[in-house]
Amino acid sequence: MMPDQALPATARNLFLASYRLNVEMSKAALHGQIELLNFFKHRLELYERFVDDLVASVELNDTFEVMADFTHNALAEGSRESARLAMITSKMGSVSAKVARELADETVKGLAARTCA
């Protein structure tokens, strides 16, 4: 039995829209994980540099300056990463709205075609 014959038009549209929405959500989740892993990788590189600078600062007596620079950079990068994750979440919401709008349009067209027939 073909899928066209197995499901009524509105159920088929709902199934396809649900499938597409799941795919888009999975893509967004994977994109978020990639961003998070990149952030952690970068953060660990900064920690490594911080420890190296801290060890070198003991000899030069500028430990406070090294700590202040590291803290300042960490806070600035944290806010940038938060903005990036907000952008990803916003994009995910717009894709969800687009899929819902397409589903509604297809359902109305299907109902109009059956009404006219």
PDB file of N, CA and C in Angstrom:
ATOM      1  N   MET A   1       0.847  -1.174   0.000  1.00  0.00           N
ATOM      2  CA  MET A   1       0.000   0.000   0.000  1.00  0.00           C
ATOM      3  C   MET A   1       0.893   1.237   0.000  1.00  0.00           C
ATOM      4  N   MET A   2       0.608   2.178  -0.849  1.00  0.00           N
ATOM      5  CA  MET A   2       1.390   3.405  -0.966  1.00  0.00           C
ATOM      6  C   MET A   2       1.033   4.354   0.176  1.00  0.00           C
ATOM      7  N   PRO A   3       1.980   5.164   0.628  1.00  0.00           N
ATOM      8  CA  PRO A   3       1.677   6.118   1.702  1.00  0.00           C
ATOM      9  C   PRO A   3       0.558   7.078   1.337  1.00  0.00           C
ATOM     10  N   ASP A   4       0.440   7.408   0.057  1.00  0.00           N
ATOM     11  CA  ASP A   4      -0.639   8.316  -0.358  1.00  0.00           C
ATOM     12  C   ASP A   4      -2.011   7.714  -0.084  1.00  0.00           C
ATOM     13  N   GLN A   5      -2.118   6.392  -0.216  1.00  0.00           N
ATOM     14  CA  GLN A   5      -3.400   5.732  -0.012  1.00  0.00           C
ATOM     15  C   GLN A   5      -3.618   5.365   1.450  1.00  0.00           C
ATOM     16  N   ALA A   6      -2.547   5.221   2.200  1.00  0.00           N
ATOM     17  CA  ALA A   6      -2.677   4.758   3.579  1.00  0.00           C
ATOM     18  C   ALA A   6      -3.154   5.857   4.520  1.00  0.00           C
ATOM     19  N   LEU A   7      -2.790   7.096   4.248  1.00  0.00           N
ATOM     20  CA  LEU A   7      -3.146   8.197   5.148  1.00  0.00           C
ATOM     21  C   LEU A   7      -3.970   9.237   4.416  1.00  0.00           C
ATOM     22  N   PRO A   8      -4.949   9.817   5.089  1.00  0.00           N
ATOM     23  CA  PRO A   8      -5.644  10.956   4.494  1.00  0.00           C
ATOM     24  C   PRO A   8      -4.663  12.112   4.317  1.00  0.00           C
ATOM     25  N   ALA A   9      -4.999  13.054   3.482  1.00  0.00           N
ATOM     26  CA  ALA A   9      -4.079  14.148   3.139  1.00  0.00           C
ATOM     27  C   ALA A   9      -3.647  14.938   4.368  1.00  0.00           C
ATOM     28  N   THR A  10      -4.568  15.263   5.259  1.00  0.00           N
ATOM     29  CA  THR A  10      -4.193  16.071   6.422  1.00  0.00           C
ATOM     30  C   THR A  10      -3.290  15.295   7.365  1.00  0.00           C
ATOM     31  N   ALA A  11      -3.533  14.011   7.539  1.00  0.00           N
ATOM     32  CA  ALA A  11      -2.680  13.192   8.407  1.00  0.00           C
ATOM     33  C   ALA A  11      -1.290  13.040   7.795  1.00  0.00           C
ATOM     34  N   ARG A  12      -1.236  12.866   6.478  1.00  0.00           N
ATOM     35  CA  ARG A  12       0.051  12.755   5.800  1.00  0.00           C
ATOM     36  C   ARG A  12       0.839  14.054   5.963  1.00  0.00           C
ATOM     37  N   ASN A  13       0.179  15.194   5.793  1.00  0.00           N
ATOM     38  CA  ASN A  13       0.843  16.482   5.967  1.00  0.00           C
ATOM     39  C   ASN A  13       1.344  16.645   7.392  1.00  0.00           C
ATOM     40  N   LEU A  14       0.554  16.231   8.352  1.00  0.00           N
ATOM     41  CA  LEU A  14       0.959  16.326   9.741  1.00  0.00           C
ATOM     42  C   LEU A  14       2.164  15.431  10.013  1.00  0.00           C
ATOM     43  N   PHE A  15       2.130  14.228   9.467  1.00  0.00           N
ATOM     44  CA  PHE A  15       3.250  13.302   9.641  1.00  0.00           C
ATOM     45  C   PHE A  15       4.531  13.883   9.038  1.00  0.00           C
ATOM     46  N   LEU A  16       4.451  14.391   7.806  1.00  0.00           N
ATOM     47  CA  LEU A  16       5.622  14.953   7.140  1.00  0.00           C
ATOM     48  C   LEU A  16       6.128  16.199   7.864  1.00  0.00           C
ATOM     49  N   ALA A  17       5.217  17.037   8.322  1.00  0.00           N
ATOM     50  CA  ALA A  17       5.629  18.240   9.051  1.00  0.00           C
ATOM     51  C   ALA A  17       6.275  17.874  10.371  1.00  0.00           C
ATOM     52  N   SER A  18       5.723  16.873  11.046  1.00  0.00           N
ATOM     53  CA  SER A  18       6.306  16.415  12.306  1.00  0.00           C
ATOM     54  C   SER A  18       7.699  15.857  12.074  1.00  0.00           C
ATOM     55  N   TYR A  19       7.860  15.086  11.016  1.00  0.00           N
ATOM     56  CA  TYR A  19       9.164  14.527  10.671  1.00  0.00           C
ATOM     57  C   TYR A  19      10.160  15.647  10.362  1.00  0.00           C
ATOM     58  N   ARG A  20       9.728  16.608   9.574  1.00  0.00           N
ATOM     59  CA  ARG A  20      10.614  17.719   9.213  1.00  0.00           C
ATOM     60  C   ARG A  20      10.989  18.544  10.439  1.00  0.00           C
ATOM     61  N   LEU A  21      10.033  18.750  11.321  1.00  0.00           N
ATOM     62  CA  LEU A  21      10.298  19.508  12.542  1.00  0.00           C
ATOM     63  C   LEU A  21      11.317  18.770  13.414  1.00  0.00           C
ATOM     64  N   ASN A  22      11.188  17.459  13.514  1.00  0.00           N
ATOM     65  CA  ASN A  22      12.164  16.669  14.275  1.00  0.00           C
ATOM     66  C   ASN A  22      13.558  16.761  13.660  1.00  0.00           C
ATOM     67  N   VAL A  23      13.641  16.733  12.343  1.00  0.00           N
ATOM     68  CA  VAL A  23      14.932  16.851  11.671  1.00  0.00           C
ATOM     69  C   VAL A  23      15.541  18.221  11.960  1.00  0.00           C
ATOM     70  N   GLU A  24      14.739  19.277  11.863  1.00  0.00           N
ATOM     71  CA  GLU A  24      15.240  20.634  12.109  1.00  0.00           C
ATOM     72  C   GLU A  24      15.683  20.796  13.563  1.00  0.00           C
ATOM     73  N   MET A  25      14.934  20.211  14.486  1.00  0.00           N
ATOM     74  CA  MET A  25      15.303  20.290  15.899  1.00  0.00           C
ATOM     75  C   MET A  25      16.608  19.533  16.152  1.00  0.00           C
ATOM     76  N   SER A  26      16.773  18.395  15.502  1.00  0.00           N
ATOM     77  CA  SER A  26      18.015  17.633  15.653  1.00  0.00           C
ATOM     78  C   SER A  26      19.201  18.411  15.098  1.00  0.00           C
ATOM     79  N   LYS A  27      19.010  19.044  13.945  1.00  0.00           N
ATOM     80  CA  LYS A  27      20.082  19.860  13.377  1.00  0.00           C
ATOM     81  C   LYS A  27      20.450  21.003  14.321  1.00  0.00           C
ATOM     82  N   ALA A  28      19.447  21.649  14.893  1.00  0.00           N
ATOM     83  CA  ALA A  28      19.710  22.757  15.810  1.00  0.00           C
ATOM     84  C   ALA A  28      20.418  22.267  17.072  1.00  0.00           C
ATOM     85  N   ALA A  29      20.011  21.108  17.578  1.00  0.00           N
ATOM     86  CA  ALA A  29      20.654  20.560  18.774  1.00  0.00           C
ATOM     87  C   ALA A  29      22.108  20.203  18.490  1.00  0.00           C
ATOM     88  N   LEU A  30      22.368  19.611  17.323  1.00  0.00           N
ATOM     89  CA  LEU A  30      23.747  19.285  16.957  1.00  0.00           C
ATOM     90  C   LEU A  30      24.579  20.540  16.767  1.00  0.00           C
ATOM     91  N   HIS A  31      23.981  21.558  16.180  1.00  0.00           N
ATOM     92  CA  HIS A  31      24.692  22.825  16.011  1.00  0.00           C
ATOM     93  C   HIS A  31      25.035  23.431  17.372  1.00  0.00           C
ATOM     94  N   GLY A  32      24.105  23.354  18.305  1.00  0.00           N
ATOM     95  CA  GLY A  32      24.360  23.847  19.656  1.00  0.00           C
ATOM     96  C   GLY A  32      25.474  23.072  20.341  1.00  0.00           C
ATOM     97  N   GLN A  33      25.492  21.757  20.144  1.00  0.00           N
ATOM     98  CA  GLN A  33      26.557  20.944  20.741  1.00  0.00           C
ATOM     99  C   GLN A  33      27.915  21.274  20.128  1.00  0.00           C
ATOM    100  N   ILE A  34      27.947  21.519  18.837  1.00  0.00           N
ATOM    101  CA  ILE A  34      29.198  21.895  18.183  1.00  0.00           C
ATOM    102  C   ILE A  34      29.709  23.215  18.754  1.00  0.00           C
ATOM    103  N   GLU A  35      28.807  24.175  18.903  1.00  0.00           N
ATOM    104  CA  GLU A  35      29.204  25.466  19.471  1.00  0.00           C
ATOM    105  C   GLU A  35      29.716  25.297  20.898  1.00  0.00           C
ATOM    106  N   LEU A  36      29.046  24.476  21.660  1.00  0.00           N
ATOM    107  CA  LEU A  36      29.448  24.255  23.051  1.00  0.00           C
ATOM    108  C   LEU A  36      30.814  23.580  23.131  1.00  0.00           C
ATOM    109  N   LEU A  37      31.048  22.582  22.296  1.00  0.00           N
ATOM    110  CA  LEU A  37      32.347  21.910  22.286  1.00  0.00           C
ATOM    111  C   LEU A  37      33.460  22.851  21.832  1.00  0.00           C
ATOM    112  N   ASN A  38      33.155  23.693  20.837  1.00  0.00           N
ATOM    113  CA  ASN A  38      34.152  24.683  20.422  1.00  0.00           C
ATOM    114  C   ASN A  38      34.467  25.652  21.557  1.00  0.00           C
ATOM    115  N   PHE A  39      33.442  26.043  22.298  1.00  0.00           N
ATOM    116  CA  PHE A  39      33.647  26.947  23.431  1.00  0.00           C
ATOM    117  C   PHE A  39      34.522  26.281  24.494  1.00  0.00           C
ATOM    118  N   PHE A  40      34.230  25.018  24.824  1.00  0.00           N
ATOM    119  CA  PHE A  40      35.023  24.307  25.826  1.00  0.00           C
ATOM    120  C   PHE A  40      36.472  24.130  25.366  1.00  0.00           C
ATOM    121  N   LYS A  41      36.659  23.812  24.089  1.00  0.00           N
ATOM    122  CA  LYS A  41      38.013  23.658  23.556  1.00  0.00           C
ATOM    123  C   LYS A  41      38.784  24.969  23.691  1.00  0.00           C
ATOM    124  N   HIS A  42      38.144  26.055  23.290  1.00  0.00           N
ATOM    125  CA  HIS A  42      38.786  27.363  23.394  1.00  0.00           C
ATOM    126  C   HIS A  42      39.061  27.733  24.853  1.00  0.00           C
ATOM    127  N   ARG A  43      38.099  27.426  25.721  1.00  0.00           N
ATOM    128  CA  ARG A  43      38.262  27.741  27.139  1.00  0.00           C
ATOM    129  C   ARG A  43      39.431  26.951  27.739  1.00  0.00           C
ATOM    130  N   LEU A  44      39.576  25.680  27.377  1.00  0.00           N
ATOM    131  CA  LEU A  44      40.691  24.884  27.885  1.00  0.00           C
ATOM    132  C   LEU A  44      42.037  25.396  27.372  1.00  0.00           C
ATOM    133  N   GLU A  45      42.058  25.856  26.132  1.00  0.00           N
ATOM    134  CA  GLU A  45      43.285  26.468  25.614  1.00  0.00           C
ATOM    135  C   GLU A  45      43.635  27.727  26.405  1.00  0.00           C
ATOM    136  N   LEU A  46      42.624  28.516  26.756  1.00  0.00           N
ATOM    137  CA  LEU A  46      42.874  29.713  27.556  1.00  0.00           C
ATOM    138  C   LEU A  46      43.342  29.361  28.965  1.00  0.00           C
ATOM    139  N   TYR A  47      42.781  28.296  29.543  1.00  0.00           N
ATOM    140  CA  TYR A  47      43.238  27.853  30.864  1.00  0.00           C
ATOM    141  C   TYR A  47      44.708  27.431  30.815  1.00  0.00           C
ATOM    142  N   GLU A  48      45.064  26.736  29.747  1.00  0.00           N
ATOM    143  CA  GLU A  48      46.454  26.306  29.602  1.00  0.00           C
ATOM    144  C   GLU A  48      47.384  27.527  29.520  1.00  0.00           C
ATOM    145  N   ARG A  49      47.000  28.499  28.715  1.00  0.00           N
ATOM    146  CA  ARG A  49      47.794  29.717  28.592  1.00  0.00           C
ATOM    147  C   ARG A  49      47.849  30.465  29.929  1.00  0.00           C
ATOM    148  N   PHE A  50      46.700  30.472  30.645  1.00  0.00           N
ATOM    149  CA  PHE A  50      46.631  31.137  31.943  1.00  0.00           C
ATOM    150  C   PHE A  50      47.609  30.503  32.936  1.00  0.00           C
ATOM    151  N   VAL A  51      47.646  29.184  32.977  1.00  0.00           N
ATOM    152  CA  VAL A  51      48.547  28.491  33.908  1.00  0.00           C
ATOM    153  C   VAL A  51      50.003  28.791  33.550  1.00  0.00           C
ATOM    154  N   ASP A  52      50.305  28.780  32.247  1.00  0.00           N
ATOM    155  CA  ASP A  52      51.665  29.121  31.823  1.00  0.00           C
ATOM    156  C   ASP A  52      52.026  30.548  32.242  1.00  0.00           C
ATOM    157  N   ASP A  53      51.101  31.483  32.018  1.00  0.00           N
ATOM    158  CA  ASP A  53      51.353  32.877  32.410  1.00  0.00           C
ATOM    159  C   ASP A  53      51.480  33.013  33.924  1.00  0.00           C
ATOM    160  N   LEU A  54      50.683  32.243  34.648  1.00  0.00           N
ATOM    161  CA  LEU A  54      50.717  32.302  36.115  1.00  0.00           C
ATOM    162  C   LEU A  54      52.063  31.810  36.646  1.00  0.00           C
ATOM    163  N   VAL A  55      52.544  30.734  36.064  1.00  0.00           N
ATOM    164  CA  VAL A  55      53.850  30.218  36.490  1.00  0.00           C
ATOM    165  C   VAL A  55      54.941  31.241  36.174  1.00  0.00           C
ATOM    166  N   ALA A  56      54.862  31.860  35.003  1.00  0.00           N
ATOM    167  CA  ALA A  56      55.864  32.862  34.631  1.00  0.00           C
ATOM    168  C   ALA A  56      55.735  34.122  35.480  1.00  0.00           C
ATOM    169  N   SER A  57      54.526  34.439  35.931  1.00  0.00           N
ATOM    170  CA  SER A  57      54.313  35.674  36.700  1.00  0.00           C
ATOM    171  C   SER A  57      54.876  35.598  38.108  1.00  0.00           C
ATOM    172  N   VAL A  58      55.044  34.412  38.638  1.00  0.00           N
ATOM    173  CA  VAL A  58      55.598  34.262  39.984  1.00  0.00           C
ATOM    174  C   VAL A  58      57.010  34.841  40.020  1.00  0.00           C
ATOM    175  N   GLU A  59      57.733  34.602  38.951  1.00  0.00           N
ATOM    176  CA  GLU A  59      59.098  35.126  38.892  1.00  0.00           C
ATOM    177  C   GLU A  59      59.114  36.641  38.716  1.00  0.00           C
ATOM    178  N   LEU A  60      58.098  37.199  38.039  1.00  0.00           N
ATOM    179  CA  LEU A  60      58.080  38.630  37.753  1.00  0.00           C
ATOM    180  C   LEU A  60      57.227  39.426  38.735  1.00  0.00           C
ATOM    181  N   ASN A  61      56.588  38.764  39.683  1.00  0.00           N
ATOM    182  CA  ASN A  61      55.725  39.406  40.684  1.00  0.00           C
ATOM    183  C   ASN A  61      54.550  40.186  40.074  1.00  0.00           C
ATOM    184  N   ASP A  62      53.957  39.680  39.006  1.00  0.00           N
ATOM    185  CA  ASP A  62      52.759  40.317  38.442  1.00  0.00           C
ATOM    186  C   ASP A  62      51.591  39.328  38.365  1.00  0.00           C
ATOM    187  N   THR A  63      51.461  38.519  39.377  1.00  0.00           N
ATOM    188  CA  THR A  63      50.403  37.512  39.448  1.00  0.00           C
ATOM    189  C   THR A  63      49.019  38.144  39.425  1.00  0.00           C
ATOM    190  N   PHE A  64      48.854  39.246  40.134  1.00  0.00           N
ATOM    191  CA  PHE A  64      47.543  39.905  40.176  1.00  0.00           C
ATOM    192  C   PHE A  64      47.113  40.354  38.783  1.00  0.00           C
ATOM    193  N   GLU A  65      48.023  40.891  38.016  1.00  0.00           N
ATOM    194  CA  GLU A  65      47.694  41.354  36.661  1.00  0.00           C
ATOM    195  C   GLU A  65      47.282  40.179  35.766  1.00  0.00           C
ATOM    196  N   VAL A  66      47.960  39.059  35.882  1.00  0.00           N
ATOM    197  CA  VAL A  66      47.624  37.865  35.096  1.00  0.00           C
ATOM    198  C   VAL A  66      46.232  37.369  35.470  1.00  0.00           C
ATOM    199  N   MET A  67      45.941  37.343  36.773  1.00  0.00           N
ATOM    200  CA  MET A  67      44.609  36.895  37.236  1.00  0.00           C
ATOM    201  C   MET A  67      43.516  37.849  36.752  1.00  0.00           C
ATOM    202  N   ALA A  68      43.770  39.146  36.831  1.00  0.00           N
ATOM    203  CA  ALA A  68      42.770  40.133  36.403  1.00  0.00           C
ATOM    204  C   ALA A  68      42.510  40.037  34.903  1.00  0.00           C
ATOM    205  N   ASP A  69      43.544  39.879  34.104  1.00  0.00           N
ATOM    206  CA  ASP A  69      43.361  39.741  32.656  1.00  0.00           C
ATOM    207  C   ASP A  69      42.568  38.483  32.311  1.00  0.00           C
ATOM    208  N   PHE A  70      42.894  37.383  32.967  1.00  0.00           N
ATOM    209  CA  PHE A  70      42.184  36.137  32.690  1.00  0.00           C
ATOM    210  C   PHE A  70      40.700  36.269  33.054  1.00  0.00           C
ATOM    211  N   THR A  71      40.419  36.832  34.204  1.00  0.00           N
ATOM    212  CA  THR A  71      39.024  36.996  34.639  1.00  0.00           C
ATOM    213  C   THR A  71      38.259  37.906  33.692  1.00  0.00           C
ATOM    214  N   HIS A  72      38.880  39.000  33.295  1.00  0.00           N
ATOM    215  CA  HIS A  72      38.234  39.944  32.365  1.00  0.00           C
ATOM    216  C   HIS A  72      37.904  39.255  31.042  1.00  0.00           C
ATOM    217  N   ASN A  73      38.861  38.522  30.488  1.00  0.00           N
ATOM    218  CA  ASN A  73      38.629  37.828  29.216  1.00  0.00           C
ATOM    219  C   ASN A  73      37.574  36.738  29.340  1.00  0.00           C
ATOM    220  N   ALA A  74      37.568  36.031  30.455  1.00  0.00           N
ATOM    221  CA  ALA A  74      36.578  34.968  30.659  1.00  0.00           C
ATOM    222  C   ALA A  74      35.162  35.539  30.721  1.00  0.00           C
ATOM    223  N   LEU A  75      34.993  36.665  31.405  1.00  0.00           N
ATOM    224  CA  LEU A  75      33.664  37.281  31.489  1.00  0.00           C
ATOM    225  C   LEU A  75      33.205  37.809  30.132  1.00  0.00           C
ATOM    226  N   ALA A  76      34.112  38.406  29.379  1.00  0.00           N
ATOM    227  CA  ALA A  76      33.753  38.934  28.060  1.00  0.00           C
ATOM    228  C   ALA A  76      33.365  37.801  27.110  1.00  0.00           C
ATOM    229  N   GLU A  77      34.110  36.714  27.135  1.00  0.00           N
ATOM    230  CA  GLU A  77      33.793  35.595  26.253  1.00  0.00           C
ATOM    231  C   GLU A  77      32.515  34.880  26.667  1.00  0.00           C
ATOM    232  N   GLY A  78      32.249  34.848  27.946  1.00  0.00           N
ATOM    233  CA  GLY A  78      31.006  34.225  28.413  1.00  0.00           C
ATOM    234  C   GLY A  78      29.781  34.927  27.861  1.00  0.00           C
ATOM    235  N   SER A  79      29.806  36.251  27.838  1.00  0.00           N
ATOM    236  CA  SER A  79      28.658  36.985  27.299  1.00  0.00           C
ATOM    237  C   SER A  79      28.541  36.790  25.785  1.00  0.00           C
ATOM    238  N   ARG A  80      29.647  36.706  25.077  1.00  0.00           N
ATOM    239  CA  ARG A  80      29.597  36.448  23.630  1.00  0.00           C
ATOM    240  C   ARG A  80      29.020  35.072  23.332  1.00  0.00           C
ATOM    241  N   GLU A  81      29.415  34.092  24.107  1.00  0.00           N
ATOM    242  CA  GLU A  81      28.890  32.738  23.897  1.00  0.00           C
ATOM    243  C   GLU A  81      27.399  32.659  24.229  1.00  0.00           C
ATOM    244  N   SER A  82      26.976  33.383  25.237  1.00  0.00           N
ATOM    245  CA  SER A  82      25.542  33.420  25.565  1.00  0.00           C
ATOM    246  C   SER A  82      24.749  34.018  24.414  1.00  0.00           C
ATOM    247  N   ALA A  83      25.285  35.051  23.796  1.00  0.00           N
ATOM    248  CA  ALA A  83      24.613  35.659  22.643  1.00  0.00           C
ATOM    249  C   ALA A  83      24.551  34.684  21.473  1.00  0.00           C
ATOM    250  N   ARG A  84      25.611  33.918  21.266  1.00  0.00           N
ATOM    251  CA  ARG A  84      25.617  32.922  20.193  1.00  0.00           C
ATOM    252  C   ARG A  84      24.563  31.854  20.411  1.00  0.00           C
ATOM    253  N   LEU A  85      24.457  31.351  21.633  1.00  0.00           N
ATOM    254  CA  LEU A  85      23.448  30.330  21.922  1.00  0.00           C
ATOM    255  C   LEU A  85      22.038  30.893  21.801  1.00  0.00           C
ATOM    256  N   ALA A  86      21.853  32.159  22.158  1.00  0.00           N
ATOM    257  CA  ALA A  86      20.543  32.789  21.976  1.00  0.00           C
ATOM    258  C   ALA A  86      20.193  32.874  20.495  1.00  0.00           C
ATOM    259  N   MET A  87      21.175  33.139  19.654  1.00  0.00           N
ATOM    260  CA  MET A  87      20.939  33.204  18.214  1.00  0.00           C
ATOM    261  C   MET A  87      20.529  31.831  17.680  1.00  0.00           C
ATOM    262  N   ILE A  88      21.190  30.780  18.137  1.00  0.00           N
ATOM    263  CA  ILE A  88      20.846  29.423  17.697  1.00  0.00           C
ATOM    264  C   ILE A  88      19.419  29.076  18.115  1.00  0.00           C
ATOM    265  N   THR A  89      19.055  29.424  19.342  1.00  0.00           N
ATOM    266  CA  THR A  89      17.700  29.156  19.832  1.00  0.00           C
ATOM    267  C   THR A  89      16.668  29.938  19.039  1.00  0.00           C
ATOM    268  N   SER A  90      16.988  31.179  18.720  1.00  0.00           N
ATOM    269  CA  SER A  90      16.076  32.001  17.926  1.00  0.00           C
ATOM    270  C   SER A  90      15.875  31.412  16.536  1.00  0.00           C
ATOM    271  N   LYS A  91      16.957  30.932  15.934  1.00  0.00           N
ATOM    272  CA  LYS A  91      16.869  30.324  14.609  1.00  0.00           C
ATOM    273  C   LYS A  91      15.998  29.074  14.658  1.00  0.00           C
ATOM    274  N   MET A  92      16.122  28.313  15.732  1.00  0.00           N
ATOM    275  CA  MET A  92      15.321  27.106  15.894  1.00  0.00           C
ATOM    276  C   MET A  92      13.832  27.462  15.984  1.00  0.00           C
ATOM    277  N   GLY A  93      13.512  28.533  16.681  1.00  0.00           N
ATOM    278  CA  GLY A  93      12.116  28.970  16.784  1.00  0.00           C
ATOM    279  C   GLY A  93      11.560  29.428  15.446  1.00  0.00           C
ATOM    280  N   SER A  94      12.360  30.128  14.652  1.00  0.00           N
ATOM    281  CA  SER A  94      11.869  30.590  13.352  1.00  0.00           C
ATOM    282  C   SER A  94      11.652  29.421  12.397  1.00  0.00           C
ATOM    283  N   VAL A  95      12.496  28.401  12.469  1.00  0.00           N
ATOM    284  CA  VAL A  95      12.307  27.214  11.628  1.00  0.00           C
ATOM    285  C   VAL A  95      11.030  26.486  12.038  1.00  0.00           C
ATOM    286  N   SER A  96      10.779  26.383  13.327  1.00  0.00           N
ATOM    287  CA  SER A  96       9.551  25.735  13.809  1.00  0.00           C
ATOM    288  C   SER A  96       8.319  26.488  13.319  1.00  0.00           C
ATOM    289  N   ALA A  97       8.370  27.805  13.371  1.00  0.00           N
ATOM    290  CA  ALA A  97       7.236  28.604  12.891  1.00  0.00           C
ATOM    291  C   ALA A  97       7.030  28.423  11.392  1.00  0.00           C
ATOM    292  N   LYS A  98       8.115  28.339  10.636  1.00  0.00           N
ATOM    293  CA  LYS A  98       8.010  28.142   9.186  1.00  0.00           C
ATOM    294  C   LYS A  98       7.364  26.807   8.860  1.00  0.00           C
ATOM    295  N   VAL A  99       7.777  25.746   9.562  1.00  0.00           N
ATOM    296  CA  VAL A  99       7.200  24.420   9.321  1.00  0.00           C
ATOM    297  C   VAL A  99       5.710  24.426   9.667  1.00  0.00           C
ATOM    298  N   ALA A 100       5.348  25.047  10.777  1.00  0.00           N
ATOM    299  CA  ALA A 100       3.933  25.113  11.171  1.00  0.00           C
ATOM    300  C   ALA A 100       3.117  25.898  10.146  1.00  0.00           C
ATOM    301  N   ARG A 101       3.685  26.988   9.632  1.00  0.00           N
ATOM    302  CA  ARG A 101       2.981  27.788   8.626  1.00  0.00           C
ATOM    303  C   ARG A 101       2.790  26.986   7.344  1.00  0.00           C
ATOM    304  N   GLU A 102       3.824  26.255   6.912  1.00  0.00           N
ATOM    305  CA  GLU A 102       3.696  25.426   5.709  1.00  0.00           C
ATOM    306  C   GLU A 102       2.647  24.336   5.897  1.00  0.00           C
ATOM    307  N   LEU A 103       2.612  23.733   7.075  1.00  0.00           N
ATOM    308  CA  LEU A 103       1.599  22.712   7.358  1.00  0.00           C
ATOM    309  C   LEU A 103       0.199  23.302   7.264  1.00  0.00           C
ATOM    310  N   ALA A 104       0.017  24.472   7.841  1.00  0.00           N
ATOM    311  CA  ALA A 104      -1.301  25.112   7.792  1.00  0.00           C
ATOM    312  C   ALA A 104      -1.699  25.437   6.356  1.00  0.00           C
ATOM    313  N   ASP A 105      -0.754  25.956   5.567  1.00  0.00           N
ATOM    314  CA  ASP A 105      -1.057  26.281   4.167  1.00  0.00           C
ATOM    315  C   ASP A 105      -1.429  25.039   3.370  1.00  0.00           C
ATOM    316  N   GLU A 106      -0.674  23.950   3.549  1.00  0.00           N
ATOM    317  CA  GLU A 106      -0.967  22.714   2.827  1.00  0.00           C
ATOM    318  C   GLU A 106      -2.308  22.123   3.245  1.00  0.00           C
ATOM    319  N   THR A 107      -2.630  22.228   4.530  1.00  0.00           N
ATOM    320  CA  THR A 107      -3.914  21.700   5.012  1.00  0.00           C
ATOM    321  C   THR A 107      -5.075  22.494   4.418  1.00  0.00           C
ATOM    322  N   VAL A 108      -4.941  23.814   4.398  1.00  0.00           N
ATOM    323  CA  VAL A 108      -6.008  24.648   3.824  1.00  0.00           C
ATOM    324  C   VAL A 108      -6.166  24.378   2.344  1.00  0.00           C
ATOM    325  N   LYS A 109      -5.043  24.236   1.610  1.00  0.00           N
ATOM    326  CA  LYS A 109      -5.131  23.930   0.181  1.00  0.00           C
ATOM    327  C   LYS A 109      -5.804  22.591  -0.054  1.00  0.00           C
ATOM    328  N   GLY A 110      -5.450  21.598   0.784  1.00  0.00           N
ATOM    329  CA  GLY A 110      -6.072  20.268   0.649  1.00  0.00           C
ATOM    330  C   GLY A 110      -7.559  20.312   0.920  1.00  0.00           C
ATOM    331  N   LEU A 111      -7.964  21.057   1.933  1.00  0.00           N
ATOM    332  CA  LEU A 111      -9.396  21.179   2.231  1.00  0.00           C
ATOM    333  C   LEU A 111     -10.133  21.921   1.137  1.00  0.00           C
ATOM    334  N   ALA A 112      -9.485  22.946   0.584  1.00  0.00           N
ATOM    335  CA  ALA A 112     -10.113  23.707  -0.513  1.00  0.00           C
ATOM    336  C   ALA A 112     -10.268  22.842  -1.764  1.00  0.00           C
ATOM    337  N   ALA A 113      -9.276  22.030  -2.044  1.00  0.00           N
ATOM    338  CA  ALA A 113      -9.354  21.170  -3.235  1.00  0.00           C
ATOM    339  C   ALA A 113     -10.453  20.129  -3.058  1.00  0.00           C
ATOM    340  N   ARG A 114     -10.586  19.573  -1.854  1.00  0.00           N
ATOM    341  CA  ARG A 114     -11.654  18.570  -1.639  1.00  0.00           C
ATOM    342  C   ARG A 114     -13.023  19.230  -1.636  1.00  0.00           C
ATOM    343  N   THR A 115     -13.108  20.471  -1.194  1.00  0.00           N
ATOM    344  CA  THR A 115     -14.397  21.157  -1.178  1.00  0.00           C
ATOM    345  C   THR A 115     -14.853  21.463  -2.598  1.00  0.00           C
ATOM    346  N   CYS A 116     -13.899  21.869  -3.440  1.00  0.00           N
ATOM    347  CA  CYS A 116     -14.234  22.200  -4.830  1.00  0.00           C
ATOM    348  C   CYS A 116     -14.559  20.955  -5.657  1.00  0.00           C
ATOM    349  N   ALA A 117     -13.992  19.819  -5.272  1.00  0.00           N
ATOM    350  CA  ALA A 117     -14.174  18.604  -6.079  1.00  0.00           C
ATOM    351  C   ALA A 117     -15.498  17.955  -5.870  1.00  0.00           C
TER     352      ALA A 117
END
